[in-house]
Amino acid sequence: ILDGLENLMTPGELAGKYREAYQDYALLFKTIGTTKH
């Protein structure tokens, strides 16, 4: 369980964009969602 993903998002922009230091989360979740496990 990962609680509070919004803490990594960029303020002042449209929803769902990660702050610069946390953009690797997009790859992390894509891998978790699409790789068989």
PDB file of all heavy atoms in Angstrom:
ATOM      1  N   ILE A   1       0.852  -1.192   0.000  1.00  0.00           N
ATOM      2  CA  ILE A   1       0.000   0.000   0.000  1.00  0.00           C
ATOM      3  C   ILE A   1       0.884   1.236   0.000  1.00  0.00           C
ATOM      4  O   ILE A   1       1.777   1.371   0.862  1.00  0.00           O
ATOM      5  CB  ILE A   1      -0.939   0.030   1.230  1.00  0.00           C
ATOM      6  CG1 ILE A   1      -1.859  -1.201   1.230  1.00  0.00           C
ATOM      7  CG2 ILE A   1      -1.781   1.297   1.224  1.00  0.00           C
ATOM      8  CD1 ILE A   1      -1.364  -2.330   2.075  1.00  0.00           C
ATOM      9  N   LEU A   2       0.648   2.129  -0.961  1.00  0.00           N
ATOM     10  CA  LEU A   2       1.357   3.410  -1.040  1.00  0.00           C
ATOM     11  C   LEU A   2       0.319   4.510  -0.822  1.00  0.00           C
ATOM     12  O   LEU A   2      -0.574   4.708  -1.650  1.00  0.00           O
ATOM     13  CB  LEU A   2       2.044   3.561  -2.397  1.00  0.00           C
ATOM     14  CG  LEU A   2       3.072   2.479  -2.750  1.00  0.00           C
ATOM     15  CD1 LEU A   2       3.647   2.723  -4.144  1.00  0.00           C
ATOM     16  CD2 LEU A   2       4.187   2.427  -1.715  1.00  0.00           C
ATOM     17  N   ASP A   3       0.449   5.233   0.272  1.00  0.00           N
ATOM     18  CA  ASP A   3      -0.590   6.160   0.727  1.00  0.00           C
ATOM     19  C   ASP A   3      -0.170   7.610   0.495  1.00  0.00           C
ATOM     20  O   ASP A   3       0.841   8.060   1.020  1.00  0.00           O
ATOM     21  CB  ASP A   3      -0.842   5.923   2.226  1.00  0.00           C
ATOM     22  CG  ASP A   3      -2.017   6.727   2.752  1.00  0.00           C
ATOM     23  OD1 ASP A   3      -2.946   7.010   1.979  1.00  0.00           O
ATOM     24  OD2 ASP A   3      -1.994   7.084   3.949  1.00  0.00           O
ATOM     25  N   GLY A   4      -0.966   8.351  -0.310  1.00  0.00           N
ATOM     26  CA  GLY A   4      -0.730   9.786  -0.479  1.00  0.00           C
ATOM     27  C   GLY A   4       0.108  10.145  -1.685  1.00  0.00           C
ATOM     28  O   GLY A   4       1.033  10.958  -1.593  1.00  0.00           O
ATOM     29  N   LEU A   5      -0.236   9.591  -2.847  1.00  0.00           N
ATOM     30  CA  LEU A   5       0.539   9.856  -4.063  1.00  0.00           C
ATOM     31  C   LEU A   5       0.532  11.334  -4.446  1.00  0.00           C
ATOM     32  O   LEU A   5       1.467  11.818  -5.086  1.00  0.00           O
ATOM     33  CB  LEU A   5      -0.017   9.008  -5.216  1.00  0.00           C
ATOM     34  CG  LEU A   5       0.716   9.084  -6.559  1.00  0.00           C
ATOM     35  CD1 LEU A   5       2.139   8.577  -6.427  1.00  0.00           C
ATOM     36  CD2 LEU A   5      -0.033   8.299  -7.630  1.00  0.00           C
ATOM     37  N   GLU A   6      -0.514  12.079  -4.030  1.00  0.00           N
ATOM     38  CA  GLU A   6      -0.607  13.490  -4.408  1.00  0.00           C
ATOM     39  C   GLU A   6       0.572  14.314  -3.905  1.00  0.00           C
ATOM     40  O   GLU A   6       0.875  15.390  -4.448  1.00  0.00           O
ATOM     41  CB  GLU A   6      -1.909  14.111  -3.893  1.00  0.00           C
ATOM     42  CG  GLU A   6      -1.992  14.338  -2.395  1.00  0.00           C
ATOM     43  CD  GLU A   6      -2.387  13.110  -1.608  1.00  0.00           C
ATOM     44  OE1 GLU A   6      -2.649  12.059  -2.228  1.00  0.00           O
ATOM     45  OE2 GLU A   6      -2.452  13.195  -0.368  1.00  0.00           O
ATOM     46  N   ASN A   7       1.268  13.830  -2.878  1.00  0.00           N
ATOM     47  CA  ASN A   7       2.424  14.553  -2.352  1.00  0.00           C
ATOM     48  C   ASN A   7       3.554  14.680  -3.363  1.00  0.00           C
ATOM     49  O   ASN A   7       4.439  15.520  -3.198  1.00  0.00           O
ATOM     50  CB  ASN A   7       2.947  13.849  -1.094  1.00  0.00           C
ATOM     51  CG  ASN A   7       1.992  13.963   0.075  1.00  0.00           C
ATOM     52  OD1 ASN A   7       1.822  15.026   0.651  1.00  0.00           O
ATOM     53  ND2 ASN A   7       1.340  12.855   0.409  1.00  0.00           N
ATOM     54  N   LEU A   8       3.540  13.843  -4.397  1.00  0.00           N
ATOM     55  CA  LEU A   8       4.604  13.855  -5.399  1.00  0.00           C
ATOM     56  C   LEU A   8       4.230  14.662  -6.633  1.00  0.00           C
ATOM     57  O   LEU A   8       5.037  14.774  -7.556  1.00  0.00           O
ATOM     58  CB  LEU A   8       4.923  12.413  -5.825  1.00  0.00           C
ATOM     59  CG  LEU A   8       5.149  11.404  -4.698  1.00  0.00           C
ATOM     60  CD1 LEU A   8       5.422  10.024  -5.279  1.00  0.00           C
ATOM     61  CD2 LEU A   8       6.286  11.841  -3.792  1.00  0.00           C
ATOM     62  N   MET A   9       3.009  15.219  -6.651  1.00  0.00           N
ATOM     63  CA  MET A   9       2.518  15.899  -7.841  1.00  0.00           C
ATOM     64  C   MET A   9       2.925  17.378  -7.873  1.00  0.00           C
ATOM     65  O   MET A   9       3.143  18.014  -6.833  1.00  0.00           O
ATOM     66  CB  MET A   9       0.994  15.797  -7.910  1.00  0.00           C
ATOM     67  CG  MET A   9       0.469  14.376  -7.946  1.00  0.00           C
ATOM     68  SD  MET A   9       0.976  13.509  -9.435  1.00  0.00           S
ATOM     69  CE  MET A   9       0.201  11.915  -9.164  1.00  0.00           C
ATOM     70  N   THR A  10       2.988  17.916  -9.091  1.00  0.00           N
ATOM     71  CA  THR A  10       3.370  19.312  -9.292  1.00  0.00           C
ATOM     72  C   THR A  10       2.211  20.239  -8.964  1.00  0.00           C
ATOM     73  O   THR A  10       1.135  20.107  -9.549  1.00  0.00           O
ATOM     74  CB  THR A  10       3.799  19.545 -10.749  1.00  0.00           C
ATOM     75  OG1 THR A  10       4.866  18.658 -11.071  1.00  0.00           O
ATOM     76  CG2 THR A  10       4.249  20.983 -10.968  1.00  0.00           C
ATOM     77  N   PRO A  11       2.384  21.198  -8.044  1.00  0.00           N
ATOM     78  CA  PRO A  11       1.326  22.175  -7.778  1.00  0.00           C
ATOM     79  C   PRO A  11       1.285  23.236  -8.877  1.00  0.00           C
ATOM     80  O   PRO A  11       2.285  23.478  -9.567  1.00  0.00           O
ATOM     81  CB  PRO A  11       1.751  22.797  -6.437  1.00  0.00           C
ATOM     82  CG  PRO A  11       3.243  22.655  -6.421  1.00  0.00           C
ATOM     83  CD  PRO A  11       3.547  21.375  -7.150  1.00  0.00           C
ATOM     84  N   GLY A  12       0.143  23.849  -9.064  1.00  0.00           N
ATOM     85  CA  GLY A  12       0.017  24.932 -10.028  1.00  0.00           C
ATOM     86  C   GLY A  12      -0.142  24.489 -11.461  1.00  0.00           C
ATOM     87  O   GLY A  12      -0.144  25.321 -12.373  1.00  0.00           O
ATOM     88  N   GLU A  13      -0.274  23.186 -11.691  1.00  0.00           N
ATOM     89  CA  GLU A  13      -0.481  22.651 -13.033  1.00  0.00           C
ATOM     90  C   GLU A  13      -1.672  21.697 -13.018  1.00  0.00           C
ATOM     91  O   GLU A  13      -2.207  21.365 -11.958  1.00  0.00           O
ATOM     92  CB  GLU A  13       0.775  21.935 -13.536  1.00  0.00           C
ATOM     93  CG  GLU A  13       1.980  22.866 -13.686  1.00  0.00           C
ATOM     94  CD  GLU A  13       3.108  22.209 -14.475  1.00  0.00           C
ATOM     95  OE1 GLU A  13       2.818  21.290 -15.264  1.00  0.00           O
ATOM     96  OE2 GLU A  13       4.259  22.624 -14.279  1.00  0.00           O
ATOM     97  N   LEU A  14      -2.081  21.254 -14.208  1.00  0.00           N
ATOM     98  CA  LEU A  14      -3.190  20.319 -14.282  1.00  0.00           C
ATOM     99  C   LEU A  14      -2.852  19.036 -13.533  1.00  0.00           C
ATOM    100  O   LEU A  14      -1.681  18.690 -13.355  1.00  0.00           O
ATOM    101  CB  LEU A  14      -3.537  20.013 -15.736  1.00  0.00           C
ATOM    102  CG  LEU A  14      -4.017  21.206 -16.580  1.00  0.00           C
ATOM    103  CD1 LEU A  14      -4.318  20.754 -18.001  1.00  0.00           C
ATOM    104  CD2 LEU A  14      -5.233  21.882 -15.961  1.00  0.00           C
ATOM    105  N   ALA A  15      -3.878  18.320 -13.104  1.00  0.00           N
ATOM    106  CA  ALA A  15      -3.705  17.159 -12.241  1.00  0.00           C
ATOM    107  C   ALA A  15      -2.863  16.075 -12.900  1.00  0.00           C
ATOM    108  O   ALA A  15      -2.879  15.885 -14.115  1.00  0.00           O
ATOM    109  CB  ALA A  15      -5.068  16.592 -11.864  1.00  0.00           C
ATOM    110  N   GLY A  16      -2.119  15.357 -12.058  1.00  0.00           N
ATOM    111  CA  GLY A  16      -1.490  14.130 -12.491  1.00  0.00           C
ATOM    112  C   GLY A  16      -0.063  14.216 -12.961  1.00  0.00           C
ATOM    113  O   GLY A  16       0.508  13.214 -13.389  1.00  0.00           O
ATOM    114  N   LYS A  17       0.581  15.390 -12.885  1.00  0.00           N
ATOM    115  CA  LYS A  17       1.952  15.526 -13.356  1.00  0.00           C
ATOM    116  C   LYS A  17       2.903  15.509 -12.159  1.00  0.00           C
ATOM    117  O   LYS A  17       2.757  16.281 -11.210  1.00  0.00           O
ATOM    118  CB  LYS A  17       2.133  16.840 -14.120  1.00  0.00           C
ATOM    119  CG  LYS A  17       3.535  17.041 -14.657  1.00  0.00           C
ATOM    120  CD  LYS A  17       3.667  18.358 -15.423  1.00  0.00           C
ATOM    121  CE  LYS A  17       5.088  18.560 -15.937  1.00  0.00           C
ATOM    122  NZ  LYS A  17       5.234  19.853 -16.659  1.00  0.00           N
ATOM    123  N   TYR A  18       3.896  14.633 -12.226  1.00  0.00           N
ATOM    124  CA  TYR A  18       4.853  14.521 -11.129  1.00  0.00           C
ATOM    125  C   TYR A  18       5.827  15.691 -11.111  1.00  0.00           C
ATOM    126  O   TYR A  18       6.178  16.240 -12.159  1.00  0.00           O
ATOM    127  CB  TYR A  18       5.654  13.219 -11.248  1.00  0.00           C
ATOM    128  CG  TYR A  18       4.821  11.976 -11.080  1.00  0.00           C
ATOM    129  CD1 TYR A  18       4.499  11.189 -12.180  1.00  0.00           C
ATOM    130  CD2 TYR A  18       4.351  11.590  -9.828  1.00  0.00           C
ATOM    131  CE1 TYR A  18       3.730  10.048 -12.033  1.00  0.00           C
ATOM    132  CE2 TYR A  18       3.586  10.456  -9.679  1.00  0.00           C
ATOM    133  CZ  TYR A  18       3.273   9.686 -10.781  1.00  0.00           C
ATOM    134  OH  TYR A  18       2.508   8.557 -10.631  1.00  0.00           O
ATOM    135  N   ARG A  19       6.252  16.061  -9.895  1.00  0.00           N
ATOM    136  CA  ARG A  19       7.329  17.028  -9.766  1.00  0.00           C
ATOM    137  C   ARG A  19       8.596  16.442 -10.375  1.00  0.00           C
ATOM    138  O   ARG A  19       8.730  15.221 -10.535  1.00  0.00           O
ATOM    139  CB  ARG A  19       7.537  17.356  -8.284  1.00  0.00           C
ATOM    140  CG  ARG A  19       6.398  18.185  -7.701  1.00  0.00           C
ATOM    141  CD  ARG A  19       6.172  17.952  -6.233  1.00  0.00           C
ATOM    142  NE  ARG A  19       7.361  18.172  -5.420  1.00  0.00           N
ATOM    143  CZ  ARG A  19       7.404  17.891  -4.123  1.00  0.00           C
ATOM    144  NH1 ARG A  19       6.350  17.356  -3.510  1.00  0.00           N
ATOM    145  NH2 ARG A  19       8.501  18.128  -3.438  1.00  0.00           N
ATOM    146  N   GLU A  20       9.523  17.311 -10.734  1.00  0.00           N
ATOM    147  CA  GLU A  20      10.689  16.909 -11.523  1.00  0.00           C
ATOM    148  C   GLU A  20      11.455  15.753 -10.887  1.00  0.00           C
ATOM    149  O   GLU A  20      11.896  14.828 -11.575  1.00  0.00           O
ATOM    150  CB  GLU A  20      11.620  18.111 -11.720  1.00  0.00           C
ATOM    151  CG  GLU A  20      12.795  17.811 -12.636  1.00  0.00           C
ATOM    152  CD  GLU A  20      13.600  19.058 -12.949  1.00  0.00           C
ATOM    153  OE1 GLU A  20      13.176  20.171 -12.566  1.00  0.00           O
ATOM    154  OE2 GLU A  20      14.674  18.908 -13.575  1.00  0.00           O
ATOM    155  N   ALA A  21      11.611  15.782  -9.586  1.00  0.00           N
ATOM    156  CA  ALA A  21      12.412  14.756  -8.915  1.00  0.00           C
ATOM    157  C   ALA A  21      11.699  13.412  -8.813  1.00  0.00           C
ATOM    158  O   ALA A  21      12.313  12.418  -8.396  1.00  0.00           O
ATOM    159  CB  ALA A  21      12.808  15.233  -7.517  1.00  0.00           C
ATOM    160  N   TYR A  22      10.415  13.378  -9.188  1.00  0.00           N
ATOM    161  CA  TYR A  22       9.626  12.165  -8.963  1.00  0.00           C
ATOM    162  C   TYR A  22       9.023  11.600 -10.256  1.00  0.00           C
ATOM    163  O   TYR A  22       8.132  10.761 -10.206  1.00  0.00           O
ATOM    164  CB  TYR A  22       8.514  12.461  -7.948  1.00  0.00           C
ATOM    165  CG  TYR A  22       9.058  13.043  -6.671  1.00  0.00           C
ATOM    166  CD1 TYR A  22       8.994  14.414  -6.421  1.00  0.00           C
ATOM    167  CD2 TYR A  22       9.688  12.230  -5.734  1.00  0.00           C
ATOM    168  CE1 TYR A  22       9.528  14.945  -5.257  1.00  0.00           C
ATOM    169  CE2 TYR A  22      10.229  12.751  -4.574  1.00  0.00           C
ATOM    170  CZ  TYR A  22      10.146  14.116  -4.345  1.00  0.00           C
ATOM    171  OH  TYR A  22      10.683  14.627  -3.211  1.00  0.00           O
ATOM    172  N   GLN A  23       9.534  12.039 -11.401  1.00  0.00           N
ATOM    173  CA  GLN A  23       8.964  11.584 -12.658  1.00  0.00           C
ATOM    174  C   GLN A  23       9.195  10.101 -12.922  1.00  0.00           C
ATOM    175  O   GLN A  23       8.478   9.491 -13.732  1.00  0.00           O
ATOM    176  CB  GLN A  23       9.520  12.436 -13.809  1.00  0.00           C
ATOM    177  CG  GLN A  23       9.052  13.891 -13.740  1.00  0.00           C
ATOM    178  CD  GLN A  23       9.647  14.762 -14.829  1.00  0.00           C
ATOM    179  OE1 GLN A  23      10.311  14.266 -15.737  1.00  0.00           O
ATOM    180  NE2 GLN A  23       9.413  16.058 -14.738  1.00  0.00           N
ATOM    181  N   ASP A  24      10.157   9.490 -12.223  1.00  0.00           N
ATOM    182  CA  ASP A  24      10.395   8.060 -12.379  1.00  0.00           C
ATOM    183  C   ASP A  24       9.230   7.223 -11.856  1.00  0.00           C
ATOM    184  O   ASP A  24       9.143   6.021 -12.161  1.00  0.00           O
ATOM    185  CB  ASP A  24      11.677   7.642 -11.648  1.00  0.00           C
ATOM    186  CG  ASP A  24      12.930   8.137 -12.369  1.00  0.00           C
ATOM    187  OD1 ASP A  24      12.813   8.553 -13.531  1.00  0.00           O
ATOM    188  OD2 ASP A  24      14.014   8.109 -11.757  1.00  0.00           O
ATOM    189  N   TYR A  25       8.342   7.842 -11.068  1.00  0.00           N
ATOM    190  CA  TYR A  25       7.173   7.101 -10.582  1.00  0.00           C
ATOM    191  C   TYR A  25       6.275   6.664 -11.739  1.00  0.00           C
ATOM    192  O   TYR A  25       5.612   5.622 -11.652  1.00  0.00           O
ATOM    193  CB  TYR A  25       6.370   7.947  -9.595  1.00  0.00           C
ATOM    194  CG  TYR A  25       6.864   7.815  -8.172  1.00  0.00           C
ATOM    195  CD1 TYR A  25       7.892   8.623  -7.698  1.00  0.00           C
ATOM    196  CD2 TYR A  25       6.313   6.880  -7.303  1.00  0.00           C
ATOM    197  CE1 TYR A  25       8.362   8.507  -6.396  1.00  0.00           C
ATOM    198  CE2 TYR A  25       6.770   6.754  -6.000  1.00  0.00           C
ATOM    199  CZ  TYR A  25       7.793   7.566  -5.551  1.00  0.00           C
ATOM    200  OH  TYR A  25       8.253   7.428  -4.266  1.00  0.00           O
ATOM    201  N   ALA A  26       6.242   7.436 -12.818  1.00  0.00           N
ATOM    202  CA  ALA A  26       5.422   7.047 -13.970  1.00  0.00           C
ATOM    203  C   ALA A  26       5.909   5.706 -14.528  1.00  0.00           C
ATOM    204  O   ALA A  26       5.101   4.811 -14.821  1.00  0.00           O
ATOM    205  CB  ALA A  26       5.481   8.132 -15.048  1.00  0.00           C
ATOM    206  N   LEU A  27       7.219   5.549 -14.657  1.00  0.00           N
ATOM    207  CA  LEU A  27       7.781   4.289 -15.142  1.00  0.00           C
ATOM    208  C   LEU A  27       7.550   3.175 -14.127  1.00  0.00           C
ATOM    209  O   LEU A  27       7.239   2.032 -14.507  1.00  0.00           O
ATOM    210  CB  LEU A  27       9.277   4.445 -15.406  1.00  0.00           C
ATOM    211  CG  LEU A  27      10.030   3.166 -15.824  1.00  0.00           C
ATOM    212  CD1 LEU A  27       9.441   2.597 -17.109  1.00  0.00           C
ATOM    213  CD2 LEU A  27      11.516   3.449 -15.974  1.00  0.00           C
ATOM    214  N   LEU A  28       7.688   3.484 -12.847  1.00  0.00           N
ATOM    215  CA  LEU A  28       7.480   2.477 -11.809  1.00  0.00           C
ATOM    216  C   LEU A  28       6.074   1.893 -11.896  1.00  0.00           C
ATOM    217  O   LEU A  28       5.893   0.666 -11.928  1.00  0.00           O
ATOM    218  CB  LEU A  28       7.710   3.100 -10.427  1.00  0.00           C
ATOM    219  CG  LEU A  28       7.346   2.220  -9.228  1.00  0.00           C
ATOM    220  CD1 LEU A  28       8.249   0.989  -9.161  1.00  0.00           C
ATOM    221  CD2 LEU A  28       7.422   3.022  -7.929  1.00  0.00           C
ATOM    222  N   PHE A  29       5.059   2.771 -11.972  1.00  0.00           N
ATOM    223  CA  PHE A  29       3.686   2.279 -11.986  1.00  0.00           C
ATOM    224  C   PHE A  29       3.334   1.611 -13.318  1.00  0.00           C
ATOM    225  O   PHE A  29       2.558   0.657 -13.347  1.00  0.00           O
ATOM    226  CB  PHE A  29       2.723   3.415 -11.672  1.00  0.00           C
ATOM    227  CG  PHE A  29       2.833   3.922 -10.263  1.00  0.00           C
ATOM    228  CD1 PHE A  29       2.829   5.285  -9.989  1.00  0.00           C
ATOM    229  CD2 PHE A  29       2.972   3.039  -9.204  1.00  0.00           C
ATOM    230  CE1 PHE A  29       2.948   5.751  -8.693  1.00  0.00           C
ATOM    231  CE2 PHE A  29       3.089   3.494  -7.901  1.00  0.00           C
ATOM    232  CZ  PHE A  29       3.085   4.851  -7.644  1.00  0.00           C
ATOM    233  N   LYS A  30       3.904   2.110 -14.411  1.00  0.00           N
ATOM    234  CA  LYS A  30       3.684   1.455 -15.697  1.00  0.00           C
ATOM    235  C   LYS A  30       4.252   0.037 -15.670  1.00  0.00           C
ATOM    236  O   LYS A  30       3.610  -0.913 -16.155  1.00  0.00           O
ATOM    237  CB  LYS A  30       4.332   2.256 -16.821  1.00  0.00           C
ATOM    238  CG  LYS A  30       4.104   1.658 -18.196  1.00  0.00           C
ATOM    239  CD  LYS A  30       4.754   2.503 -19.291  1.00  0.00           C
ATOM    240  CE  LYS A  30       4.549   1.872 -20.665  1.00  0.00           C
ATOM    241  NZ  LYS A  30       5.197   2.675 -21.745  1.00  0.00           N
ATOM    242  N   THR A  31       5.431  -0.115 -15.093  1.00  0.00           N
ATOM    243  CA  THR A  31       6.051  -1.440 -15.002  1.00  0.00           C
ATOM    244  C   THR A  31       5.236  -2.364 -14.112  1.00  0.00           C
ATOM    245  O   THR A  31       4.987  -3.530 -14.456  1.00  0.00           O
ATOM    246  CB  THR A  31       7.488  -1.311 -14.459  1.00  0.00           C
ATOM    247  OG1 THR A  31       8.241  -0.438 -15.305  1.00  0.00           O
ATOM    248  CG2 THR A  31       8.160  -2.670 -14.395  1.00  0.00           C
ATOM    249  N   ILE A  32       4.804  -1.853 -12.969  1.00  0.00           N
ATOM    250  CA  ILE A  32       4.012  -2.673 -12.041  1.00  0.00           C
ATOM    251  C   ILE A  32       2.690  -3.092 -12.680  1.00  0.00           C
ATOM    252  O   ILE A  32       2.218  -4.216 -12.500  1.00  0.00           O
ATOM    253  CB  ILE A  32       3.759  -1.890 -10.732  1.00  0.00           C
ATOM    254  CG1 ILE A  32       5.069  -1.765  -9.942  1.00  0.00           C
ATOM    255  CG2 ILE A  32       2.685  -2.584  -9.879  1.00  0.00           C
ATOM    256  CD1 ILE A  32       4.993  -0.811  -8.778  1.00  0.00           C
ATOM    257  N   GLY A  33       2.096  -2.180 -13.447  1.00  0.00           N
ATOM    258  CA  GLY A  33       0.796  -2.464 -14.041  1.00  0.00           C
ATOM    259  C   GLY A  33       0.845  -3.374 -15.246  1.00  0.00           C
ATOM    260  O   GLY A  33      -0.130  -4.078 -15.532  1.00  0.00           O
ATOM    261  N   THR A  34       1.966  -3.399 -15.969  1.00  0.00           N
ATOM    262  CA  THR A  34       2.015  -4.119 -17.243  1.00  0.00           C
ATOM    263  C   THR A  34       2.914  -5.348 -17.241  1.00  0.00           C
ATOM    264  O   THR A  34       2.813  -6.178 -18.145  1.00  0.00           O
ATOM    265  CB  THR A  34       2.483  -3.168 -18.365  1.00  0.00           C
ATOM    266  OG1 THR A  34       3.785  -2.652 -18.046  1.00  0.00           O
ATOM    267  CG2 THR A  34       1.507  -2.017 -18.541  1.00  0.00           C
ATOM    268  N   THR A  35       3.803  -5.474 -16.260  1.00  0.00           N
ATOM    269  CA  THR A  35       4.679  -6.645 -16.178  1.00  0.00           C
ATOM    270  C   THR A  35       3.977  -7.737 -15.378  1.00  0.00           C
ATOM    271  O   THR A  35       3.462  -7.478 -14.295  1.00  0.00           O
ATOM    272  CB  THR A  35       6.008  -6.287 -15.498  1.00  0.00           C
ATOM    273  OG1 THR A  35       6.645  -5.228 -16.220  1.00  0.00           O
ATOM    274  CG2 THR A  35       6.938  -7.493 -15.466  1.00  0.00           C
ATOM    275  N   LYS A  36       3.958  -8.945 -15.875  1.00  0.00           N
ATOM    276  CA  LYS A  36       3.238 -10.025 -15.212  1.00  0.00           C
ATOM    277  C   LYS A  36       3.878 -10.363 -13.871  1.00  0.00           C
ATOM    278  O   LYS A  36       5.082 -10.618 -13.787  1.00  0.00           O
ATOM    279  CB  LYS A  36       3.214 -11.269 -16.105  1.00  0.00           C
ATOM    280  CG  LYS A  36       2.344 -12.401 -15.567  1.00  0.00           C
ATOM    281  CD  LYS A  36       2.248 -13.525 -16.554  1.00  0.00           C
ATOM    282  CE  LYS A  36       1.404 -14.683 -16.020  1.00  0.00           C
ATOM    283  NZ  LYS A  36       0.035 -14.242 -15.677  1.00  0.00           N
ATOM    284  N   HIS A  37       3.058 -10.354 -12.809  1.00  0.00           N
ATOM    285  CA  HIS A  37       3.504 -10.783 -11.482  1.00  0.00           C
ATOM    286  C   HIS A  37       2.273 -11.187 -10.677  1.00  0.00           C
ATOM    287  O   HIS A  37       1.142 -11.083 -11.165  1.00  0.00           O
ATOM    288  CB  HIS A  37       4.307  -9.677 -10.776  1.00  0.00           C
ATOM    289  CG  HIS A  37       3.579  -8.375 -10.611  1.00  0.00           C
ATOM    290  ND1 HIS A  37       2.677  -8.145  -9.602  1.00  0.00           N
ATOM    291  CD2 HIS A  37       3.624  -7.225 -11.335  1.00  0.00           C
ATOM    292  CE1 HIS A  37       2.211  -6.907  -9.700  1.00  0.00           C
ATOM    293  NE2 HIS A  37       2.758  -6.326 -10.744  1.00  0.00           N
TER     294      HIS A  37
END
